[in-house]
Amino acid sequence: MKIKAPAAGAAKLPQAKNIRSPEFTPHGISAGRGSGPRPSALTAAQAKKRRQLTAVAVVVGLVAIAGATTFYVTRPGPEIKVTGALGTAPKVDIPKNLVPDNKFKVTEAITGSGPKLANGDIAYVKFAFYQWSKKGTGDKAKESTSKKLNSSYEQQGGQQVMPMTVGNTQVKGLDKGLAGHPAGSRLVLQLPPADGFGEQGSQMGLTNKDSVVFVVDILAAIPKNAEAKGTEKKLDDKNLPKVEPGQPGKGPKVTVPKADPPGKLEVRTLIEGSGPALAKGDNAIVQYVGKLWRDGKTFDESWSKGQPASFPIGTGGTVPGFDKGLTGAKVGSRVLLILPPKEGYGTKGNEQAGIKGTDTLVFVVDILGTVPK
């Protein structure tokens, strides 16, 4: 059946699909109330206040949602946590859900205030290191395993301080990680296989796919070719050895006189440093040369060994004359020590070093620093 078009002037009824809800009210909904908007029971001021409160509530809600979203997006992921005081065995937590990503990373768990390390400098450190491996294969690995391999905090006989020459540690990642960081710092190094132990790692059970985590405490730093630095003190006694400056990094030139040696301990400050005085129990870092009075031959020295020596002062860890002669000397000083036999190796001497029981010993010592207790 065909529907005829409406006659001219007849009302056009809208189709139901074109009716918006404000334009359509079901039958009887406003019966008896009129067709206009319903009057509000609120005054104009109250209505305005309600609108303002509503707007504030909406804004607060949006801010809260945005804040929660921001926290979710930026919240920190798993990370290696290292706690404890510098110089003491650290507590290390390597989360299982933190997987090695083959990237080198170094962070300062503790930031020191000492001199920054450069290539060739000597760092006196305590350290621990851990095997860190993916649990699974390839990019699908979601977990890791870790195992402590070594720790100088737990060496037999107590904690051990180890000297490391920056740039020559034999571990690429250590050289990169130490450089530029100040003494007094605790470093956490994440080393990918390429920065680790290389072929030597197999001796510790490492594979070429294993990363390594190092925790390193830099207790002291000694610059390359460091020597005594301070106020020079003249020594004009012709019956005592003559000490002259040598080439950088080679130590001083010491000439023993053709005279009888003194019968007691002689201690002379040649250069007085401005650092703290050595006290009993301090671990002194020194460069030294030792000669025999009888023929002027060198029986021991540290300059050619590539790094200073370190030993405790005043505790019997070395010959008596060293303990007595260096106690009270300031860091930065150069000290001349003359040790009669009883202040050296005694009547037995030291055959391995060529020292007889009657030998007087001559030492020139540069005090470069101390390792914190």
Protein backbone atom coordinates (compact mmCIF):
# COMPACT_ATOMS: atom_id res chain seq x y z
CA MET A 1 0.00 0.00 0.00
CA LYS A 2 1.34 3.39 -0.91
CA ILE A 3 1.30 6.19 1.59
CA LYS A 4 0.16 9.47 0.24
CA ALA A 5 2.24 12.58 0.84
CA PRO A 6 0.66 14.92 3.40
CA ALA A 7 -1.44 17.70 2.18
CA ALA A 8 -0.03 21.18 2.13
CA GLY A 9 -0.17 22.79 5.55
CA ALA A 10 -0.57 19.47 7.39
CA ALA A 11 1.72 18.83 10.39
CA LYS A 12 4.75 16.58 9.77
CA LEU A 13 5.39 14.00 12.49
CA PRO A 14 9.02 13.26 13.21
CA GLN A 15 10.13 9.66 12.88
CA ALA A 16 11.02 7.93 16.18
CA LYS A 17 14.67 7.36 15.18
CA ASN A 18 15.17 11.10 14.75
CA ILE A 19 13.78 12.07 18.16
CA ARG A 20 16.39 13.10 20.72
CA SER A 21 15.55 12.42 24.35
CA PRO A 22 15.08 16.08 25.38
CA GLU A 23 12.45 16.37 22.63
CA PHE A 24 10.42 13.38 23.72
CA THR A 25 8.63 12.75 26.97
CA PRO A 26 6.65 9.53 27.43
CA HIS A 27 2.90 9.98 27.80
CA GLY A 28 1.76 11.13 31.25
CA ILE A 29 5.23 11.94 32.70
CA SER A 30 4.38 15.60 33.19
CA ALA A 31 0.63 15.27 33.57
CA GLY A 32 -0.74 18.00 35.71
CA ARG A 33 2.72 19.70 36.16
CA GLY A 34 2.85 21.80 33.10
CA SER A 35 5.21 21.50 30.20
CA GLY A 36 7.97 23.90 31.37
CA PRO A 37 11.04 23.14 33.52
CA ARG A 38 10.45 22.20 37.15
CA PRO A 39 11.10 25.04 39.61
CA SER A 40 14.13 24.52 41.93
CA ALA A 41 13.67 24.62 45.71
CA LEU A 42 17.17 26.28 46.03
CA THR A 43 17.85 29.98 46.06
CA ALA A 44 20.08 31.42 43.36
CA ALA A 45 23.03 31.65 45.82
CA GLN A 46 22.58 28.05 46.92
CA ALA A 47 22.40 26.82 43.38
CA LYS A 48 25.59 28.68 42.49
CA LYS A 49 27.41 27.17 45.48
CA ARG A 50 26.26 23.68 44.49
CA ARG A 51 27.60 24.19 40.97
CA GLN A 52 30.97 25.35 42.37
CA LEU A 53 31.26 22.33 44.72
CA THR A 54 30.39 19.99 41.90
CA ALA A 55 33.10 21.52 39.69
CA VAL A 56 35.69 21.21 42.49
CA ALA A 57 34.77 17.55 43.04
CA VAL A 58 35.21 16.82 39.36
CA VAL A 59 38.63 18.51 39.27
CA VAL A 60 39.83 16.66 42.40
CA GLY A 61 38.69 13.38 40.94
CA LEU A 62 40.51 14.03 37.68
CA VAL A 63 43.71 15.00 39.52
CA ALA A 64 43.53 11.85 41.63
CA ILE A 65 43.12 9.70 38.55
CA ALA A 66 45.97 11.47 36.79
CA GLY A 67 48.21 11.07 39.86
CA ALA A 68 47.50 7.38 40.11
CA THR A 69 48.21 6.96 36.42
CA THR A 70 51.51 8.86 36.71
CA PHE A 71 52.66 6.71 39.67
CA TYR A 72 51.82 3.57 37.75
CA VAL A 73 53.79 4.70 34.72
CA THR A 74 56.82 6.08 36.59
CA ARG A 75 57.01 3.82 39.64
CA PRO A 76 60.53 2.38 40.07
CA GLY A 77 61.27 -1.05 38.71
CA PRO A 78 63.37 -3.74 40.40
CA GLU A 79 66.94 -2.71 41.21
CA ILE A 80 70.00 -4.01 43.01
CA LYS A 81 70.02 -2.82 46.62
CA VAL A 82 73.23 -2.50 48.63
CA THR A 83 73.20 -1.41 52.26
CA GLY A 84 75.75 -1.11 55.07
CA ALA A 85 78.54 1.26 56.11
CA LEU A 86 81.61 1.94 53.99
CA GLY A 87 84.38 -0.54 54.72
CA THR A 88 82.05 -3.13 56.25
CA ALA A 89 80.63 -6.19 54.53
CA PRO A 90 77.61 -4.97 52.52
CA LYS A 91 74.20 -6.57 52.36
CA VAL A 92 73.46 -7.13 48.66
CA ASP A 93 70.00 -7.92 47.27
CA ILE A 94 69.80 -8.83 43.57
CA PRO A 95 66.08 -9.30 42.75
CA LYS A 96 65.14 -12.42 40.80
CA ASN A 97 62.90 -10.36 38.51
CA LEU A 98 65.81 -8.11 37.50
CA VAL A 99 67.37 -9.68 34.42
CA PRO A 100 70.84 -8.78 33.04
CA ASP A 101 70.48 -6.63 29.92
CA ASN A 102 74.12 -6.77 28.71
CA LYS A 103 74.63 -3.10 29.54
CA PHE A 104 77.41 -1.60 31.66
CA LYS A 105 76.13 0.38 34.63
CA VAL A 106 77.79 1.96 37.67
CA THR A 107 76.07 3.73 40.57
CA GLU A 108 77.32 5.26 43.80
CA ALA A 109 75.59 3.66 46.77
CA ILE A 110 77.74 6.00 48.91
CA THR A 111 79.34 9.14 47.47
CA GLY A 112 82.74 10.02 48.89
CA SER A 113 84.44 13.39 49.22
CA GLY A 114 88.04 12.38 48.44
CA PRO A 115 90.08 12.84 45.24
CA LYS A 116 88.63 11.35 42.07
CA LEU A 117 90.42 8.40 40.53
CA ALA A 118 92.15 8.68 37.16
CA ASN A 119 94.03 6.17 35.02
CA GLY A 120 97.25 5.13 36.72
CA ASP A 121 96.05 6.05 40.22
CA ILE A 122 96.10 3.46 42.98
CA ALA A 123 92.78 2.65 44.66
CA TYR A 124 92.80 0.86 48.00
CA VAL A 125 89.57 -1.09 48.10
CA LYS A 126 87.44 -3.76 49.67
CA PHE A 127 85.11 -5.60 47.31
CA ALA A 128 82.69 -8.44 46.72
CA PHE A 129 81.45 -9.77 43.41
CA TYR A 130 78.58 -11.96 42.26
CA GLN A 131 77.73 -14.15 39.30
CA TRP A 132 74.52 -12.82 37.72
CA SER A 133 72.81 -14.99 35.11
CA LYS A 134 69.60 -15.14 33.14
CA LYS A 135 67.22 -17.92 34.12
CA GLY A 136 66.02 -19.04 30.74
CA THR A 137 67.13 -18.30 27.21
CA GLY A 138 67.27 -15.21 25.04
CA ASP A 139 64.86 -12.33 25.38
CA LYS A 140 62.23 -14.61 26.90
CA ALA A 141 64.12 -14.85 30.19
CA LYS A 142 62.04 -13.20 32.92
CA GLU A 143 64.13 -14.14 35.97
CA SER A 144 67.76 -14.24 37.05
CA THR A 145 69.96 -16.11 39.50
CA SER A 146 72.91 -14.74 41.49
CA LYS A 147 75.74 -16.23 43.54
CA LYS A 148 78.57 -14.66 45.55
CA LEU A 149 81.93 -15.65 44.09
CA ASN A 150 84.44 -13.80 46.27
CA SER A 151 84.67 -11.13 48.96
CA SER A 152 87.68 -9.37 50.49
CA TYR A 153 85.45 -8.57 53.47
CA GLU A 154 85.53 -12.25 54.35
CA GLN A 155 89.12 -13.28 53.60
CA GLN A 156 90.83 -15.70 55.93
CA GLY A 157 92.43 -13.73 58.76
CA GLY A 158 89.99 -10.84 58.52
CA GLN A 159 89.03 -8.17 56.04
CA GLN A 160 91.60 -7.41 53.38
CA VAL A 161 92.37 -4.09 51.69
CA MET A 162 93.45 -4.58 48.10
CA PRO A 163 95.38 -2.10 45.93
CA MET A 164 94.11 -1.72 42.37
CA THR A 165 95.79 0.31 39.65
CA VAL A 166 93.05 2.05 37.65
CA GLY A 167 93.45 1.06 34.01
CA ASN A 168 95.36 -2.10 34.88
CA THR A 169 93.00 -4.22 36.99
CA GLN A 170 92.73 -6.91 34.27
CA VAL A 171 88.95 -6.45 34.37
CA LYS A 172 87.71 -3.97 31.78
CA GLY A 173 84.55 -3.10 33.66
CA LEU A 174 86.46 -2.34 36.88
CA ASP A 175 88.76 0.07 35.06
CA LYS A 176 85.75 1.88 33.56
CA GLY A 177 83.83 1.77 36.81
CA LEU A 178 86.54 3.11 39.13
CA ALA A 179 87.67 6.01 36.94
CA GLY A 180 86.14 9.35 37.85
CA HIS A 181 84.75 8.34 41.23
CA PRO A 182 86.01 9.86 44.52
CA ALA A 183 87.68 8.09 47.41
CA GLY A 184 85.21 7.32 50.16
CA SER A 185 82.63 5.98 47.70
CA ARG A 186 80.86 2.65 47.53
CA LEU A 187 80.24 1.64 43.92
CA VAL A 188 77.82 -0.91 42.51
CA LEU A 189 78.95 -2.10 39.08
CA GLN A 190 76.85 -4.18 36.71
CA LEU A 191 79.25 -5.71 34.20
CA PRO A 192 78.05 -7.52 31.07
CA PRO A 193 80.16 -10.49 29.89
CA ALA A 194 82.26 -8.29 27.60
CA ASP A 195 83.33 -6.15 30.59
CA GLY A 196 83.89 -9.06 32.97
CA PHE A 197 86.66 -11.58 33.49
CA GLY A 198 86.88 -12.95 29.96
CA GLU A 199 88.52 -16.37 29.70
CA GLN A 200 89.65 -16.17 33.34
CA GLY A 201 86.01 -16.30 34.38
CA SER A 202 85.80 -20.02 33.64
CA GLN A 203 88.09 -20.63 36.63
CA MET A 204 85.33 -19.24 38.86
CA GLY A 205 82.49 -21.04 37.13
CA LEU A 206 81.47 -18.11 34.91
CA THR A 207 80.36 -18.64 31.33
CA ASN A 208 80.65 -16.20 28.44
CA LYS A 209 76.97 -15.35 28.94
CA ASP A 210 77.18 -14.45 32.63
CA SER A 211 77.16 -10.89 33.93
CA VAL A 212 78.97 -9.89 37.13
CA VAL A 213 77.91 -7.52 39.92
CA PHE A 214 80.75 -5.82 41.83
CA VAL A 215 80.42 -3.89 45.08
CA VAL A 216 83.59 -1.83 45.63
CA ASP A 217 84.48 0.42 48.58
CA ILE A 218 87.17 2.97 47.63
CA LEU A 219 88.91 3.53 50.96
CA ALA A 220 91.86 5.58 49.70
CA ALA A 221 93.23 6.96 46.43
CA ILE A 222 96.88 7.68 45.64
CA PRO A 223 97.73 9.64 42.46
CA LYS A 224 100.08 8.17 39.90
CA ASN A 225 103.76 8.93 40.71
CA ALA A 226 102.77 10.48 44.04
CA GLU A 227 105.62 11.54 46.30
CA ALA A 228 106.22 13.59 49.43
CA LYS A 229 104.94 17.15 49.21
CA GLY A 230 105.40 19.83 51.82
CA THR A 231 108.01 22.06 53.44
CA GLU A 232 111.61 21.07 52.74
CA LYS A 233 113.92 20.66 55.74
CA LYS A 234 117.65 21.00 55.11
CA LEU A 235 119.98 18.25 56.35
CA ASP A 236 123.61 19.38 56.53
CA ASP A 237 125.13 16.57 58.60
CA LYS A 238 127.97 15.08 56.52
CA ASN A 239 127.93 11.93 58.68
CA LEU A 240 124.39 11.11 57.57
CA PRO A 241 123.21 9.92 54.14
CA LYS A 242 122.62 12.53 51.44
CA VAL A 243 119.14 12.46 49.88
CA GLU A 244 118.48 14.18 46.54
CA PRO A 245 115.35 14.36 44.36
CA GLY A 246 115.13 11.65 41.72
CA GLN A 247 113.14 11.30 38.51
CA PRO A 248 109.35 11.36 38.86
CA GLY A 249 108.11 7.95 39.85
CA LYS A 250 111.63 6.63 40.48
CA GLY A 251 112.24 7.70 44.07
CA PRO A 252 115.01 9.84 45.58
CA LYS A 253 118.76 9.35 45.12
CA VAL A 254 120.37 8.23 48.39
CA THR A 255 124.13 8.35 48.99
CA VAL A 256 125.55 6.67 52.12
CA PRO A 257 128.66 8.44 53.54
CA LYS A 258 132.04 6.83 54.18
CA ALA A 259 131.64 7.06 57.94
CA ASP A 260 130.72 4.89 60.88
CA PRO A 261 126.97 4.43 61.32
CA PRO A 262 125.23 5.93 64.34
CA GLY A 263 124.68 3.56 67.23
CA LYS A 264 121.07 4.52 67.83
CA LEU A 265 117.92 5.09 65.84
CA GLU A 266 118.06 8.32 63.81
CA VAL A 267 114.88 9.92 62.48
CA ARG A 268 115.13 13.04 60.30
CA THR A 269 112.28 14.77 58.47
CA LEU A 270 113.45 15.88 55.02
CA ILE A 271 110.08 17.16 53.79
CA GLU A 272 107.30 17.92 56.27
CA GLY A 273 103.82 17.26 54.97
CA SER A 274 100.61 18.96 56.04
CA GLY A 275 98.47 15.87 56.51
CA PRO A 276 97.43 14.12 59.72
CA ALA A 277 100.11 12.55 61.92
CA LEU A 278 100.41 8.77 61.87
CA ALA A 279 99.16 7.12 65.04
CA LYS A 280 99.44 3.62 66.40
CA GLY A 281 97.25 1.27 64.38
CA ASP A 282 97.08 3.46 61.27
CA ASN A 283 97.57 1.68 57.96
CA ALA A 284 100.21 3.81 56.28
CA ILE A 285 100.58 3.98 52.50
CA VAL A 286 104.24 4.62 51.65
CA GLN A 287 106.91 4.54 49.00
CA TYR A 288 110.35 3.64 50.32
CA VAL A 289 113.90 2.64 49.49
CA GLY A 290 116.14 0.63 51.82
CA LYS A 291 119.94 0.52 51.65
CA LEU A 292 122.77 -1.14 53.56
CA TRP A 293 125.07 1.29 55.36
CA ARG A 294 128.17 -0.89 54.79
CA ASP A 295 128.13 -0.74 50.98
CA GLY A 296 125.20 1.50 49.96
CA LYS A 297 123.46 -1.30 48.07
CA THR A 298 119.68 -1.27 47.75
CA PHE A 299 118.12 -4.34 49.39
CA ASP A 300 114.49 -3.33 48.92
CA GLU A 301 112.36 -0.54 47.43
CA SER A 302 108.78 0.00 46.34
CA TRP A 303 108.96 2.54 43.50
CA SER A 304 109.80 -0.02 40.80
CA LYS A 305 106.99 -2.37 41.91
CA GLY A 306 104.27 -0.22 40.40
CA GLN A 307 102.39 0.57 43.59
CA PRO A 308 103.07 1.78 47.13
CA ALA A 309 103.29 -0.48 50.16
CA SER A 310 100.74 -0.52 52.96
CA PHE A 311 101.31 -1.69 56.52
CA PRO A 312 100.11 -0.94 60.07
CA ILE A 313 102.07 1.47 62.24
CA GLY A 314 103.09 0.77 65.83
CA THR A 315 101.71 -2.77 66.00
CA GLY A 316 104.80 -4.86 65.25
CA GLY A 317 103.81 -5.41 61.63
CA THR A 318 107.24 -4.28 60.46
CA VAL A 319 110.75 -3.82 61.90
CA PRO A 320 110.92 -1.85 65.20
CA GLY A 321 112.66 1.18 63.70
CA PHE A 322 109.85 1.68 61.21
CA ASP A 323 107.21 1.60 63.93
CA LYS A 324 109.11 4.04 66.13
CA GLY A 325 110.36 6.32 63.37
CA LEU A 326 107.08 6.82 61.51
CA THR A 327 104.71 7.16 64.46
CA GLY A 328 103.85 10.86 64.65
CA ALA A 329 105.13 11.70 61.16
CA LYS A 330 102.66 13.60 58.98
CA VAL A 331 101.11 12.43 55.74
CA GLY A 332 102.95 14.09 52.87
CA SER A 333 106.34 13.85 54.63
CA ARG A 334 109.65 12.34 53.48
CA VAL A 335 111.51 10.77 56.41
CA LEU A 336 115.09 9.47 56.69
CA LEU A 337 115.42 6.50 59.06
CA ILE A 338 118.73 4.98 60.19
CA LEU A 339 118.25 1.67 61.97
CA PRO A 340 121.02 -0.06 63.93
CA PRO A 341 120.70 -3.89 63.99
CA LYS A 342 118.46 -4.01 67.06
CA GLU A 343 115.99 -1.65 65.37
CA GLY A 344 116.08 -3.69 62.16
CA TYR A 345 116.35 -7.45 61.78
CA GLY A 346 118.42 -8.05 64.91
CA THR A 347 121.42 -10.35 65.19
CA LYS A 348 119.84 -12.89 62.83
CA GLY A 349 119.59 -10.44 59.96
CA ASN A 350 117.65 -11.37 56.85
CA GLU A 351 119.58 -13.74 54.62
CA GLN A 352 117.07 -13.60 51.78
CA ALA A 353 117.51 -9.81 51.54
CA GLY A 354 121.28 -10.00 52.02
CA ILE A 355 121.13 -8.34 55.45
CA LYS A 356 123.66 -9.48 58.07
CA GLY A 357 123.10 -9.42 61.80
CA THR A 358 125.54 -6.51 62.08
CA ASP A 359 124.05 -4.35 59.34
CA THR A 360 122.75 -0.83 59.90
CA LEU A 361 119.88 -0.04 57.56
CA VAL A 362 119.04 3.23 55.80
CA PHE A 363 115.46 3.95 54.74
CA VAL A 364 113.96 6.94 52.97
CA VAL A 365 110.18 6.86 53.26
CA ASP A 366 107.51 8.99 51.55
CA ILE A 367 104.24 8.91 53.50
CA LEU A 368 101.48 9.20 50.89
CA GLY A 369 98.36 8.54 52.91
CA THR A 370 96.48 6.14 55.13
CA VAL A 371 93.80 3.51 54.66
CA PRO A 372 90.87 4.14 57.03
CA LYS A 373 90.57 1.59 59.82
